[in-house]
N, C-alpha and C. Protein backbone atom coordinates (compact mmCIF):
# COMPACT_ATOMS: atom_id res chain seq x y z
N MET A 1 1.11 -1.31 -0.35
CA MET A 1 0.09 -0.22 -0.20
C MET A 1 0.65 1.02 0.09
N LYS A 2 0.67 2.63 -0.87
CA LYS A 2 1.27 3.38 -0.18
C LYS A 2 0.48 4.51 0.11
N ILE A 3 0.89 4.83 1.24
CA ILE A 3 0.66 5.98 2.51
C ILE A 3 1.18 7.54 2.58
N ALA A 4 0.55 8.05 2.16
CA ALA A 4 0.91 9.16 2.42
C ALA A 4 1.32 10.83 3.82
N VAL A 5 1.99 10.72 4.53
CA VAL A 5 2.36 10.68 5.81
C VAL A 5 1.95 12.86 5.68
N ALA A 6 1.77 13.13 6.11
CA ALA A 6 1.95 14.98 6.41
C ALA A 6 2.12 14.96 7.68
N CYS A 7 2.67 16.48 7.75
CA CYS A 7 2.43 17.75 8.93
C CYS A 7 2.92 17.97 9.37
N ASP A 8 3.01 19.52 9.84
CA ASP A 8 3.12 20.99 10.21
C ASP A 8 3.98 20.69 11.41
N HIS A 9 4.14 21.33 12.36
CA HIS A 9 5.94 21.98 12.44
C HIS A 9 5.06 20.72 13.69
N GLY A 10 4.43 21.10 14.66
CA GLY A 10 4.23 20.39 15.45
C GLY A 10 4.23 19.26 15.67
N GLY A 11 3.88 18.28 14.08
CA GLY A 11 3.49 16.92 14.32
C GLY A 11 5.22 16.06 13.68
N PHE A 12 6.00 17.63 13.56
CA PHE A 12 7.49 17.18 12.75
C PHE A 12 8.26 16.31 13.55
N PRO A 13 8.32 16.39 14.68
CA PRO A 13 8.90 15.13 15.24
C PRO A 13 8.81 13.48 15.44
N LEU A 14 7.85 13.38 15.21
CA LEU A 14 7.24 12.33 14.78
C LEU A 14 7.12 12.34 13.07
N LYS A 15 7.70 12.60 12.61
CA LYS A 15 7.51 12.17 11.15
C LYS A 15 8.89 11.29 11.03
N GLU A 16 9.77 11.53 10.74
CA GLU A 16 10.42 10.11 10.31
C GLU A 16 10.49 8.56 11.11
N THR A 17 10.00 8.81 12.45
CA THR A 17 9.77 7.28 13.34
C THR A 17 8.45 6.47 11.74
N VAL A 18 7.15 7.92 12.08
CA VAL A 18 6.42 7.70 11.16
C VAL A 18 6.34 6.24 9.95
N ILE A 19 7.60 7.67 8.80
CA ILE A 19 7.53 6.95 7.46
C ILE A 19 8.41 5.68 8.44
N GLU A 20 9.65 4.99 8.63
CA GLU A 20 9.96 4.16 9.31
C GLU A 20 9.44 2.97 9.19
N ALA A 21 8.82 3.60 10.41
CA ALA A 21 7.14 2.43 10.29
C ALA A 21 6.52 1.26 9.32
N ILE A 22 6.39 2.55 8.59
CA ILE A 22 5.44 2.75 6.99
C ILE A 22 6.39 1.58 6.76
N HIS A 23 8.02 1.40 6.19
CA HIS A 23 8.17 0.89 5.29
C HIS A 23 8.39 -0.22 5.99
N ALA A 24 9.00 -0.49 7.64
CA ALA A 24 8.98 -1.56 7.98
C ALA A 24 8.25 -2.54 7.88
N ALA A 25 6.38 -1.64 7.70
CA ALA A 25 5.70 -2.84 7.55
C ALA A 25 5.12 -3.19 6.07
N GLY A 26 6.50 -2.82 4.85
CA GLY A 26 6.08 -3.15 3.80
C GLY A 26 5.29 -2.40 2.98
N HIS A 27 5.07 -1.24 3.40
CA HIS A 27 4.74 -0.37 2.94
C HIS A 27 5.36 0.74 1.90
N GLU A 28 4.66 1.66 1.47
CA GLU A 28 5.57 2.62 0.48
C GLU A 28 4.94 4.09 1.15
N ALA A 29 5.62 4.61 1.16
CA ALA A 29 5.49 5.89 2.00
C ALA A 29 5.50 7.40 1.42
N LEU A 30 4.63 8.11 1.16
CA LEU A 30 4.64 9.08 -0.28
C LEU A 30 4.91 10.26 0.89
N ASP A 31 6.32 10.64 1.02
CA ASP A 31 6.55 11.96 2.31
C ASP A 31 6.33 13.43 1.62
N LEU A 32 4.86 14.30 2.03
CA LEU A 32 4.34 15.32 1.26
C LEU A 32 4.75 16.88 2.37
N GLY A 33 5.64 16.45 3.65
CA GLY A 33 5.55 17.44 4.41
C GLY A 33 5.57 17.49 4.86
N THR A 34 5.18 18.53 5.52
CA THR A 34 6.26 20.07 5.65
C THR A 34 8.46 18.59 6.03
N TYR A 35 8.73 19.81 6.13
CA TYR A 35 10.51 19.06 5.78
C TYR A 35 11.79 19.56 6.37
N SER A 36 10.81 20.48 8.30
CA SER A 36 11.04 21.70 8.95
C SER A 36 10.74 22.30 10.05
N PRO A 37 11.15 22.03 11.42
CA PRO A 37 10.66 22.49 12.32
C PRO A 37 9.43 23.81 12.02
N GLU A 38 10.40 24.60 10.84
CA GLU A 38 9.58 26.53 11.41
C GLU A 38 7.88 25.51 10.94
N SER A 39 7.27 27.39 11.45
CA SER A 39 6.14 26.97 11.59
C SER A 39 5.31 27.16 10.26
N VAL A 40 4.30 26.12 10.29
CA VAL A 40 4.11 26.22 8.67
C VAL A 40 2.14 26.53 9.20
N ASP A 41 1.21 26.06 8.32
CA ASP A 41 0.11 25.71 8.18
C ASP A 41 -0.90 24.05 8.32
N TYR A 42 -1.33 24.13 9.64
CA TYR A 42 -1.63 22.22 9.78
C TYR A 42 -2.82 22.26 8.18
N PRO A 43 -4.21 23.25 7.60
CA PRO A 43 -4.46 22.64 6.71
C PRO A 43 -3.78 22.56 5.70
N ASP A 44 -3.10 23.50 5.16
CA ASP A 44 -2.52 23.70 4.45
C ASP A 44 -1.84 22.01 3.54
N TYR A 45 -1.38 21.08 4.89
CA TYR A 45 -0.65 19.82 4.76
C TYR A 45 -1.66 19.28 5.25
N ALA A 46 -2.86 19.39 5.73
CA ALA A 46 -4.36 18.39 5.73
C ALA A 46 -4.06 17.99 4.60
N GLU A 47 -4.79 18.87 3.38
CA GLU A 47 -4.78 19.76 1.88
C GLU A 47 -4.10 18.70 0.89
N LYS A 48 -2.94 18.81 1.15
CA LYS A 48 -1.78 17.91 0.21
C LYS A 48 -2.26 16.73 0.38
N LEU A 49 -2.25 15.76 1.65
CA LEU A 49 -2.85 15.10 2.05
C LEU A 49 -3.71 14.10 1.47
N GLY A 50 -5.08 14.93 2.48
CA GLY A 50 -6.79 14.77 1.29
C GLY A 50 -5.93 14.35 -0.40
N ARG A 51 -5.75 15.52 -0.94
CA ARG A 51 -5.33 15.37 -2.47
C ARG A 51 -5.09 14.21 -2.57
N ALA A 52 -4.05 13.63 -2.01
CA ALA A 52 -3.19 12.41 -2.65
C ALA A 52 -4.30 11.37 -2.58
N ILE A 53 -4.87 11.38 -1.97
CA ILE A 53 -6.22 10.16 -1.45
C ILE A 53 -6.78 10.12 -2.51
N GLN A 54 -7.69 11.59 -3.28
CA GLN A 54 -8.20 11.98 -3.88
C GLN A 54 -7.90 11.37 -4.94
N ASN A 55 -6.48 11.88 -5.16
CA ASN A 55 -6.39 11.36 -7.14
C ASN A 55 -5.52 10.20 -7.06
N GLY A 56 -6.33 8.83 -5.94
CA GLY A 56 -5.23 8.31 -5.76
C GLY A 56 -3.91 7.92 -5.82
N GLU A 57 -3.00 8.54 -5.80
CA GLU A 57 -1.66 8.63 -5.38
C GLU A 57 -1.33 7.93 -4.19
N ALA A 58 -2.56 7.84 -3.50
CA ALA A 58 -2.14 7.81 -1.70
C ALA A 58 -3.71 6.06 -1.02
N GLU A 59 -3.60 4.85 -0.99
CA GLU A 59 -4.40 4.79 -0.45
C GLU A 59 -4.72 5.25 0.09
N ARG A 60 -4.31 5.17 1.82
CA ARG A 60 -4.22 5.78 3.11
C ARG A 60 -3.44 7.01 3.45
N GLY A 61 -3.98 7.86 4.65
CA GLY A 61 -3.32 8.58 5.03
C GLY A 61 -2.98 8.70 6.83
N ILE A 62 -1.27 9.42 6.93
CA ILE A 62 -0.62 9.20 8.57
C ILE A 62 -0.74 10.48 8.50
N LEU A 63 -1.62 11.86 9.64
CA LEU A 63 -1.40 12.81 9.48
C LEU A 63 -1.00 13.28 11.31
N MET A 64 -0.05 14.38 10.88
CA MET A 64 0.29 14.82 12.33
C MET A 64 0.54 16.47 12.54
N CYS A 65 0.25 16.38 13.87
CA CYS A 65 0.17 17.76 14.01
C CYS A 65 0.06 18.40 15.28
N GLY A 66 0.73 18.75 16.53
CA GLY A 66 0.98 18.80 17.81
C GLY A 66 -0.13 18.01 18.70
N SER A 67 -1.07 18.24 18.17
CA SER A 67 -2.24 18.07 18.88
C SER A 67 -3.14 16.58 17.77
N GLY A 68 -2.75 16.61 17.22
CA GLY A 68 -4.12 14.93 16.10
C GLY A 68 -5.12 16.14 15.85
N VAL A 69 -5.67 17.01 16.54
CA VAL A 69 -7.21 17.81 16.63
C VAL A 69 -6.97 19.05 15.52
N GLY A 70 -6.53 19.96 15.16
CA GLY A 70 -6.47 20.57 13.91
C GLY A 70 -6.23 19.96 12.50
N ALA A 71 -5.51 19.05 12.62
CA ALA A 71 -4.84 18.20 11.56
C ALA A 71 -6.30 17.10 11.09
N SER A 72 -7.25 16.78 12.56
CA SER A 72 -8.51 15.90 11.84
C SER A 72 -9.23 16.85 10.68
N ILE A 73 -8.86 17.29 12.20
CA ILE A 73 -11.20 18.95 11.49
C ILE A 73 -10.23 19.09 10.86
N ALA A 74 -9.39 19.69 9.91
CA ALA A 74 -9.24 20.06 8.64
C ALA A 74 -9.37 18.57 8.34
N ALA A 75 -8.56 17.78 7.72
CA ALA A 75 -8.52 16.22 6.47
C ALA A 75 -10.18 15.70 7.01
N ASN A 76 -11.02 15.78 7.66
CA ASN A 76 -12.48 15.66 7.57
C ASN A 76 -13.13 16.29 6.56
N LYS A 77 -12.97 17.39 6.59
CA LYS A 77 -13.30 18.76 5.90
C LYS A 77 -12.87 18.50 4.28
N MET A 78 -12.33 17.55 4.02
CA MET A 78 -12.40 17.21 2.76
C MET A 78 -12.79 15.79 1.62
N ARG A 79 -14.58 16.11 1.13
CA ARG A 79 -14.95 14.01 0.43
C ARG A 79 -14.33 12.83 0.33
N GLY A 80 -14.18 12.63 0.97
CA GLY A 80 -14.05 10.95 0.58
C GLY A 80 -12.91 10.69 2.08
N ILE A 81 -12.42 11.41 2.62
CA ILE A 81 -11.20 11.28 3.65
C ILE A 81 -11.83 11.53 5.43
N TYR A 82 -11.41 10.45 5.37
CA TYR A 82 -12.09 9.98 6.69
C TYR A 82 -10.94 9.56 7.49
N ALA A 83 -10.79 10.94 9.05
CA ALA A 83 -10.17 10.68 9.77
C ALA A 83 -10.12 10.90 11.13
N ALA A 84 -9.13 10.43 11.84
CA ALA A 84 -9.66 10.50 12.51
C ALA A 84 -8.55 10.25 14.08
N ILE A 85 -8.12 10.76 15.28
CA ILE A 85 -7.37 11.00 16.04
C ILE A 85 -7.07 10.00 16.79
N CYS A 86 -5.89 9.15 16.78
CA CYS A 86 -6.07 8.15 17.08
C CYS A 86 -4.44 7.98 18.31
N HIS A 87 -5.19 8.08 19.55
CA HIS A 87 -4.16 7.19 20.52
C HIS A 87 -3.77 5.95 21.13
N ASP A 88 -4.62 5.26 20.69
CA ASP A 88 -4.35 4.13 21.66
C ASP A 88 -4.41 2.66 20.50
N THR A 89 -3.98 1.69 19.82
CA THR A 89 -3.85 0.73 19.34
C THR A 89 -5.55 0.10 18.93
N TYR A 90 -6.36 -0.02 19.78
CA TYR A 90 -7.81 -0.53 19.44
C TYR A 90 -8.27 0.68 18.68
N SER A 91 -8.56 1.87 18.52
CA SER A 91 -8.66 2.50 17.58
C SER A 91 -8.26 2.75 16.55
N ALA A 92 -7.14 2.80 16.32
CA ALA A 92 -6.45 2.56 14.98
C ALA A 92 -6.59 1.54 13.49
N HIS A 93 -7.20 -0.03 14.74
CA HIS A 93 -7.21 -0.65 14.05
C HIS A 93 -8.80 -1.01 13.61
N GLN A 94 -9.53 -0.55 14.98
CA GLN A 94 -11.05 -1.14 14.66
C GLN A 94 -11.97 0.85 14.27
N GLY A 95 -11.05 1.69 13.97
CA GLY A 95 -11.62 2.69 12.84
C GLY A 95 -11.52 1.98 11.73
N VAL A 96 -10.45 1.83 10.97
CA VAL A 96 -10.39 0.66 9.66
C VAL A 96 -11.80 -0.28 10.01
N GLU A 97 -11.23 -0.96 10.55
CA GLU A 97 -12.06 -2.49 10.08
C GLU A 97 -14.20 -1.65 10.03
N HIS A 98 -13.84 -1.08 11.16
CA HIS A 98 -16.12 -0.37 11.44
C HIS A 98 -16.43 0.59 10.50
N ASP A 99 -15.30 1.38 10.89
CA ASP A 99 -16.18 2.63 9.97
C ASP A 99 -15.07 3.86 9.07
N ASP A 100 -14.36 1.98 8.73
CA ASP A 100 -13.47 2.61 7.04
C ASP A 100 -12.78 4.28 6.88
N MET A 101 -12.33 4.50 8.26
CA MET A 101 -11.35 5.50 8.32
C MET A 101 -10.05 4.92 7.79
N ASN A 102 -9.45 6.25 7.43
CA ASN A 102 -8.33 6.19 5.50
C ASN A 102 -7.72 7.49 5.66
N VAL A 103 -7.60 7.70 6.70
CA VAL A 103 -6.87 8.02 7.66
C VAL A 103 -6.14 8.23 8.79
N LEU A 104 -4.95 8.55 9.75
CA LEU A 104 -4.74 8.55 10.94
C LEU A 104 -4.08 9.35 11.21
N CYS A 105 -4.50 10.16 12.51
CA CYS A 105 -3.75 11.29 12.73
C CYS A 105 -3.55 11.32 14.76
N MET A 106 -2.46 11.95 14.98
CA MET A 106 -2.20 11.69 15.73
C MET A 106 -1.47 12.96 16.08
N GLY A 107 -0.61 13.09 17.74
CA GLY A 107 -1.10 14.03 17.89
C GLY A 107 0.80 14.32 18.75
N ALA A 108 1.71 14.74 18.03
CA ALA A 108 3.71 14.39 18.90
C ALA A 108 3.24 14.97 19.94
N ARG A 109 2.59 15.55 20.56
CA ARG A 109 2.97 16.73 21.20
C ARG A 109 2.46 15.52 22.97
N ILE A 110 0.95 14.44 22.22
CA ILE A 110 0.50 13.78 23.07
C ILE A 110 1.37 12.81 22.84
N ILE A 111 1.86 11.94 22.42
CA ILE A 111 2.67 10.57 22.39
C ILE A 111 4.15 11.02 21.82
N GLY A 112 4.35 9.33 22.16
CA GLY A 112 6.10 9.14 21.96
C GLY A 112 6.18 8.42 20.68
N PRO A 113 7.63 7.79 20.49
CA PRO A 113 8.02 7.76 18.86
C PRO A 113 7.08 6.09 19.28
N ALA A 114 7.78 5.26 20.35
CA ALA A 114 7.13 3.57 20.48
C ALA A 114 5.65 3.43 20.29
N LEU A 115 5.28 4.70 20.64
CA LEU A 115 3.35 4.73 20.49
C LEU A 115 2.56 4.15 19.46
N ALA A 116 3.74 5.60 18.26
CA ALA A 116 3.51 5.73 17.09
C ALA A 116 3.52 4.98 16.42
N VAL A 117 4.55 4.42 15.91
CA VAL A 117 4.98 2.46 15.76
C VAL A 117 4.25 1.61 15.97
N GLU A 118 3.59 1.49 17.00
CA GLU A 118 2.16 0.43 17.24
C GLU A 118 1.54 1.02 16.22
N LEU A 119 0.76 2.17 16.74
CA LEU A 119 -0.44 3.28 15.98
C LEU A 119 -1.01 3.08 14.72
N VAL A 120 0.75 3.17 14.26
CA VAL A 120 1.01 3.12 12.53
C VAL A 120 0.56 1.40 12.09
N GLN A 121 1.83 0.92 12.41
CA GLN A 121 0.98 -0.88 12.39
C GLN A 121 0.00 -1.57 13.02
N SER A 122 -0.90 -0.86 13.80
CA SER A 122 -2.16 -1.03 13.66
C SER A 122 -3.09 -0.81 13.28
N PHE A 123 -2.97 0.51 12.05
CA PHE A 123 -3.67 1.32 11.14
C PHE A 123 -3.86 0.33 9.91
N LEU A 124 -2.74 -0.02 9.51
CA LEU A 124 -1.48 -1.22 8.23
C LEU A 124 -2.27 -1.97 8.43
N ALA A 125 -2.79 -2.34 8.91
CA ALA A 125 -2.72 -4.04 9.50
C ALA A 125 -4.04 -4.07 9.52
N ALA A 126 -4.80 -3.20 9.34
CA ALA A 126 -6.63 -3.30 9.36
C ALA A 126 -7.08 -2.89 7.88
N ARG A 127 -8.46 -3.82 7.99
CA ARG A 127 -8.56 -3.90 6.51
C ARG A 127 -10.02 -3.61 6.75
N PHE A 128 -11.50 -2.85 6.26
CA PHE A 128 -12.42 -2.67 6.47
C PHE A 128 -13.43 -3.96 6.66
N THR A 129 -14.20 -4.57 7.48
CA THR A 129 -14.45 -5.39 7.10
C THR A 129 -16.17 -5.52 7.63
N GLY A 130 -16.76 -4.72 6.83
CA GLY A 130 -18.22 -4.03 5.94
C GLY A 130 -18.42 -5.48 5.23
N HIS A 131 -17.45 -5.53 4.60
CA HIS A 131 -18.62 -6.87 3.14
C HIS A 131 -17.95 -7.73 3.77
N ASP A 132 -17.32 -8.56 5.25
CA ASP A 132 -17.35 -10.00 5.28
C ASP A 132 -18.48 -10.26 5.87
N PRO A 133 -18.89 -11.89 5.32
CA PRO A 133 -20.12 -12.32 6.60
C PRO A 133 -20.97 -11.66 7.40
N GLY A 134 -21.32 -11.40 7.67
CA GLY A 134 -22.10 -11.33 9.18
C GLY A 134 -21.88 -9.94 9.97
N GLN A 135 -21.18 -8.87 9.11
CA GLN A 135 -20.26 -8.09 9.70
C GLN A 135 -20.99 -6.93 8.41
N GLU A 136 -22.07 -6.87 7.66
CA GLU A 136 -23.15 -5.66 6.85
C GLU A 136 -23.57 -4.57 7.79
N ARG A 137 -22.97 -4.88 9.17
CA ARG A 137 -23.97 -3.59 9.67
C ARG A 137 -22.97 -2.27 9.27
N HIS A 138 -21.77 -2.69 9.45
CA HIS A 138 -20.99 -1.24 9.07
C HIS A 138 -20.45 -1.28 8.52
N ALA A 139 -21.18 -1.72 7.07
CA ALA A 139 -20.97 -1.17 5.63
C ALA A 139 -22.06 -0.61 5.78
N ARG A 140 -22.89 -0.01 6.40
CA ARG A 140 -24.39 0.18 6.97
C ARG A 140 -24.44 1.47 7.04
N ARG A 141 -23.51 1.53 8.20
CA ARG A 141 -22.84 3.05 9.04
C ARG A 141 -22.85 2.92 8.21
N VAL A 142 -21.17 2.78 7.25
CA VAL A 142 -20.91 3.32 6.83
C VAL A 142 -20.89 4.31 5.51
N GLY A 143 -22.11 4.12 5.00
CA GLY A 143 -22.84 4.50 4.16
C GLY A 143 -23.77 5.21 4.21
N LYS A 144 -24.13 5.52 5.82
CA LYS A 144 -25.13 6.51 5.72
C LYS A 144 -24.32 7.74 6.41
N VAL A 145 -22.77 7.64 6.43
CA VAL A 145 -21.82 8.60 7.05
C VAL A 145 -21.62 9.57 5.46
N ARG A 146 -21.68 8.52 4.62
CA ARG A 146 -21.13 9.08 3.45
C ARG A 146 -22.43 9.58 2.70
N ALA A 147 -23.71 8.96 3.26
CA ALA A 147 -25.00 10.12 2.63
C ALA A 147 -25.22 11.67 3.26
N LEU A 148 -23.96 11.63 4.75
CA LEU A 148 -23.91 12.81 5.20
C LEU A 148 -22.93 13.36 3.86
N GLU A 149 -21.97 12.90 4.24
CA GLU A 149 -21.17 13.91 3.75
C GLU A 149 -21.52 14.57 2.11
N SER A 150 -22.89 13.61 1.21
CA SER A 150 -22.89 14.12 0.69
C SER A 150 -24.43 15.11 0.00
N ALA A 151 -24.90 14.90 1.62
CA ALA A 151 -25.46 15.74 1.42
C ALA A 151 -25.68 17.28 1.71
N PRO A 152 -27.11 18.56 0.95
CA PRO A 152 -26.95 19.85 1.15
C PRO A 152 -26.58 21.06 2.89
């Protein structure tokens, strides 16, 4: 899988750790910046990551800022982007399995590198289960979320 990675200056301290974890899991990372700890605006990087997914350049994304909150809010404004802050491994895999989450958001000022690696591993190993026998309720619920997205 190709995974888009983006961050603002607050998320920058985790970026290399995340890219290494993606490679260690057997996936390819698409580094969309930022490339230094100098102050930048998180919506710009959320948009870069979202566009990469929308355009088919990446299948999923990992987005970081200081808390994960701003990045998540910005990413979720984009059609087809389903982003959530996950600072525990259960949410990182369950968000994919039940909710078809395609962007993992993390706060680099909240978690450290060891937990970030575990979150990336959990997120990347998960797959949406809504099409599995007995799990159709997840597809139904995700369909309702997508209907909200396309409503006026």
